[in-house]
Structures are given as C-alpha cells and as structure tokens.
Amino acid sequence: MLVVYGVKRKLKIDKSLGTQVCPNCGHTVDLSLAREKCYAHIYYIPVFPWTGMRMKACPNCGVVETLTSGQYKELKNS
C-alpha cells in the first residue's frame, strides 16, 4: 500500500500596508501583511497546521520581517 504524505506551506496576504520604503532594498514598494502556515498532509489533503508565521513582506527583494502576535494585530486593525 502506498501512503502519500508530506508538508506544504500556504501564504495568505491579509492586507496591503501601503507604499513604504523597504528597509532592505531601499525601493518604494507596496508592503504586504501576510501569514504563512505549514500543513502536514496525507494524500494531498491538509490534516493539521504544523507551524505558522506572521510577517511583513517586500515584493521587490523578497525580504520578510517576522512580527509578533501583538504587532500583527496592531498593523491589521490600523
């Protein structure tokens, strides 16, 4: 019997933070508030979340700034 299992990451963009200067590349870009979750799956069906990360991401250079739960909630509600 063949059992297909593994881990897959899903990225969800929650909100655009507006046009800001990226601290890494220095370009004026539209920064995004995002969440990444890693799911364990069996037969390509997500079973349970493995890990999660909240971040602020630059679409130009790809750098992410990891946020705490409080920082994430504050940016999402503003």
N, C-alpha and C. Protein backbone atom coordinates (compact mmCIF):
# COMPACT_ATOMS: atom_id res chain seq x y z
N MET A 1 0.85 -1.17 0.00
CA MET A 1 0.00 0.00 0.00
C MET A 1 0.90 1.24 0.00
N LEU A 2 0.56 2.20 -0.81
CA LEU A 2 1.33 3.44 -0.94
C LEU A 2 0.62 4.56 -0.17
N VAL A 3 1.35 5.18 0.76
CA VAL A 3 0.81 6.30 1.52
C VAL A 3 1.58 7.55 1.11
N VAL A 4 0.85 8.53 0.60
CA VAL A 4 1.44 9.79 0.16
C VAL A 4 1.27 10.79 1.29
N TYR A 5 2.40 11.32 1.79
CA TYR A 5 2.34 12.28 2.89
C TYR A 5 3.42 13.33 2.69
N GLY A 6 3.30 14.42 3.44
CA GLY A 6 4.30 15.47 3.32
C GLY A 6 3.86 16.73 4.02
N VAL A 7 4.54 17.82 3.70
CA VAL A 7 4.28 19.13 4.30
C VAL A 7 4.18 20.16 3.18
N LYS A 8 3.20 21.05 3.29
CA LYS A 8 3.03 22.10 2.30
C LYS A 8 2.84 23.43 3.00
N ARG A 9 3.44 24.47 2.45
CA ARG A 9 3.30 25.81 3.00
C ARG A 9 2.28 26.60 2.20
N LYS A 10 1.47 27.38 2.93
CA LYS A 10 0.49 28.25 2.29
C LYS A 10 0.71 29.67 2.78
N LEU A 11 0.73 30.59 1.84
CA LEU A 11 0.93 32.01 2.14
C LEU A 11 -0.36 32.74 1.86
N LYS A 12 -0.82 33.50 2.84
CA LYS A 12 -2.05 34.29 2.68
C LYS A 12 -1.71 35.75 2.92
N ILE A 13 -1.96 36.59 1.92
CA ILE A 13 -1.76 38.04 2.03
C ILE A 13 -3.03 38.61 2.67
N ASP A 14 -2.88 39.20 3.85
CA ASP A 14 -4.05 39.71 4.57
C ASP A 14 -4.38 41.16 4.24
N LYS A 15 -3.36 41.98 4.08
CA LYS A 15 -3.63 43.40 3.92
C LYS A 15 -2.44 44.08 3.25
N SER A 16 -2.72 45.08 2.46
CA SER A 16 -1.67 45.92 1.90
C SER A 16 -1.39 47.03 2.90
N LEU A 17 -0.12 47.24 3.21
CA LEU A 17 0.26 48.26 4.19
C LEU A 17 0.52 49.61 3.54
N GLY A 18 0.32 49.71 2.25
CA GLY A 18 0.53 50.97 1.56
C GLY A 18 1.95 51.10 1.05
N THR A 19 2.21 52.18 0.40
CA THR A 19 3.52 52.42 -0.18
C THR A 19 4.48 52.89 0.90
N GLN A 20 5.58 52.14 1.05
CA GLN A 20 6.61 52.44 2.04
C GLN A 20 7.97 52.16 1.44
N VAL A 21 9.00 52.64 2.09
CA VAL A 21 10.37 52.36 1.67
C VAL A 21 10.82 51.07 2.36
N CYS A 22 11.28 50.11 1.58
CA CYS A 22 11.77 48.84 2.12
C CYS A 22 13.08 49.08 2.85
N PRO A 23 13.21 48.59 4.09
CA PRO A 23 14.46 48.80 4.83
C PRO A 23 15.64 48.01 4.25
N ASN A 24 15.37 46.98 3.46
CA ASN A 24 16.45 46.16 2.90
C ASN A 24 16.96 46.70 1.56
N CYS A 25 16.05 46.85 0.59
CA CYS A 25 16.48 47.24 -0.76
C CYS A 25 16.41 48.75 -1.01
N GLY A 26 15.67 49.49 -0.18
CA GLY A 26 15.59 50.93 -0.33
C GLY A 26 14.63 51.42 -1.39
N HIS A 27 13.90 50.52 -2.06
CA HIS A 27 12.93 50.92 -3.07
C HIS A 27 11.60 51.27 -2.42
N THR A 28 10.84 52.14 -3.06
CA THR A 28 9.50 52.45 -2.61
C THR A 28 8.56 51.42 -3.19
N VAL A 29 8.01 50.57 -2.32
CA VAL A 29 7.17 49.44 -2.75
C VAL A 29 5.90 49.39 -1.92
N ASP A 30 4.96 48.56 -2.34
CA ASP A 30 3.72 48.33 -1.62
C ASP A 30 3.94 47.12 -0.71
N LEU A 31 4.26 47.36 0.57
CA LEU A 31 4.50 46.28 1.52
C LEU A 31 3.19 45.57 1.85
N SER A 32 3.28 44.27 2.14
CA SER A 32 2.10 43.45 2.42
C SER A 32 2.21 42.81 3.80
N LEU A 33 1.06 42.66 4.45
CA LEU A 33 0.96 41.95 5.71
C LEU A 33 0.49 40.54 5.37
N ALA A 34 1.26 39.53 5.77
CA ALA A 34 0.95 38.17 5.35
C ALA A 34 1.12 37.17 6.49
N ARG A 35 0.49 35.99 6.31
CA ARG A 35 0.65 34.86 7.23
C ARG A 35 1.07 33.65 6.42
N GLU A 36 1.98 32.87 6.98
CA GLU A 36 2.39 31.62 6.34
C GLU A 36 2.12 30.49 7.31
N LYS A 37 1.44 29.46 6.83
CA LYS A 37 1.17 28.28 7.64
C LYS A 37 1.72 27.06 6.93
N CYS A 38 2.23 26.17 7.70
CA CYS A 38 2.79 24.93 7.18
C CYS A 38 1.85 23.79 7.62
N TYR A 39 1.30 23.05 6.66
CA TYR A 39 0.36 21.99 6.95
C TYR A 39 0.96 20.62 6.66
N ALA A 40 0.70 19.66 7.55
CA ALA A 40 1.02 18.28 7.26
C ALA A 40 -0.15 17.71 6.46
N HIS A 41 0.14 16.93 5.44
CA HIS A 41 -0.96 16.38 4.65
C HIS A 41 -0.76 14.89 4.39
N ILE A 42 -1.88 14.24 4.19
CA ILE A 42 -1.92 12.82 3.80
C ILE A 42 -2.79 12.74 2.55
N TYR A 43 -2.26 12.12 1.51
CA TYR A 43 -2.96 12.04 0.23
C TYR A 43 -3.39 13.41 -0.27
N TYR A 44 -2.52 14.41 -0.12
CA TYR A 44 -2.71 15.79 -0.59
C TYR A 44 -3.86 16.52 0.09
N ILE A 45 -4.34 16.01 1.21
CA ILE A 45 -5.39 16.66 2.00
C ILE A 45 -4.75 17.22 3.26
N PRO A 46 -4.82 18.54 3.50
CA PRO A 46 -4.23 19.11 4.72
C PRO A 46 -4.91 18.54 5.96
N VAL A 47 -4.12 18.03 6.88
CA VAL A 47 -4.66 17.39 8.07
C VAL A 47 -4.62 18.33 9.28
N PHE A 48 -3.46 18.90 9.57
CA PHE A 48 -3.35 19.83 10.69
C PHE A 48 -2.23 20.82 10.43
N PRO A 49 -2.36 22.04 11.00
CA PRO A 49 -1.29 23.02 10.81
C PRO A 49 -0.06 22.63 11.63
N TRP A 50 1.11 22.78 11.03
CA TRP A 50 2.36 22.40 11.67
C TRP A 50 2.99 23.61 12.36
N THR A 51 3.23 24.66 11.62
CA THR A 51 3.79 25.89 12.18
C THR A 51 3.14 27.09 11.51
N GLY A 52 3.31 28.24 12.08
CA GLY A 52 2.77 29.46 11.49
C GLY A 52 3.70 30.62 11.73
N MET A 53 3.64 31.61 10.83
CA MET A 53 4.50 32.78 10.95
C MET A 53 3.74 33.99 10.42
N ARG A 54 3.84 35.10 11.14
CA ARG A 54 3.24 36.36 10.70
C ARG A 54 4.37 37.26 10.24
N MET A 55 4.16 37.97 9.12
CA MET A 55 5.26 38.73 8.56
C MET A 55 4.81 39.95 7.78
N LYS A 56 5.76 40.83 7.53
CA LYS A 56 5.62 41.97 6.64
C LYS A 56 6.60 41.69 5.50
N ALA A 57 6.11 41.67 4.26
CA ALA A 57 6.93 41.22 3.13
C ALA A 57 7.08 42.30 2.06
N CYS A 58 8.29 42.35 1.47
CA CYS A 58 8.58 43.24 0.35
C CYS A 58 8.50 42.43 -0.94
N PRO A 59 7.66 42.84 -1.91
CA PRO A 59 7.56 42.08 -3.15
C PRO A 59 8.76 42.26 -4.08
N ASN A 60 9.56 43.30 -3.87
CA ASN A 60 10.71 43.57 -4.74
C ASN A 60 11.89 42.66 -4.43
N CYS A 61 12.34 42.66 -3.18
CA CYS A 61 13.54 41.88 -2.82
C CYS A 61 13.21 40.58 -2.12
N GLY A 62 11.97 40.41 -1.66
CA GLY A 62 11.56 39.16 -1.03
C GLY A 62 11.90 39.05 0.44
N VAL A 63 12.42 40.11 1.04
CA VAL A 63 12.77 40.06 2.46
C VAL A 63 11.49 40.12 3.29
N VAL A 64 11.47 39.35 4.39
CA VAL A 64 10.32 39.34 5.29
C VAL A 64 10.78 39.75 6.67
N GLU A 65 9.92 40.49 7.36
CA GLU A 65 10.17 40.88 8.74
C GLU A 65 9.16 40.12 9.59
N THR A 66 9.64 39.22 10.43
CA THR A 66 8.77 38.43 11.28
C THR A 66 8.17 39.33 12.37
N LEU A 67 6.86 39.18 12.57
CA LEU A 67 6.14 40.00 13.54
C LEU A 67 5.63 39.15 14.69
N THR A 68 5.52 39.76 15.87
CA THR A 68 4.88 39.09 16.99
C THR A 68 3.37 39.17 16.80
N SER A 69 2.65 38.45 17.62
CA SER A 69 1.19 38.45 17.52
C SER A 69 0.62 39.84 17.75
N GLY A 70 1.14 40.56 18.72
CA GLY A 70 0.67 41.91 19.02
C GLY A 70 0.93 42.89 17.90
N GLN A 71 2.14 42.83 17.33
CA GLN A 71 2.47 43.72 16.21
C GLN A 71 1.58 43.43 15.01
N TYR A 72 1.33 42.15 14.75
CA TYR A 72 0.49 41.74 13.62
C TYR A 72 -0.94 42.28 13.78
N LYS A 73 -1.51 42.11 14.97
CA LYS A 73 -2.88 42.58 15.22
C LYS A 73 -2.97 44.09 15.10
N GLU A 74 -1.95 44.79 15.59
CA GLU A 74 -1.94 46.26 15.53
C GLU A 74 -1.91 46.75 14.08
N LEU A 75 -1.07 46.13 13.23
CA LEU A 75 -0.99 46.53 11.83
C LEU A 75 -2.25 46.14 11.06
N LYS A 76 -2.84 45.00 11.40
CA LYS A 76 -4.04 44.53 10.69
C LYS A 76 -5.24 45.41 11.01
N ASN A 77 -5.35 45.88 12.23
CA ASN A 77 -6.51 46.69 12.64
C ASN A 77 -6.35 48.17 12.31
N SER A 78 -5.16 48.61 11.95
CA SER A 78 -4.98 50.04 11.65
C SER A 78 -5.32 50.37 10.23
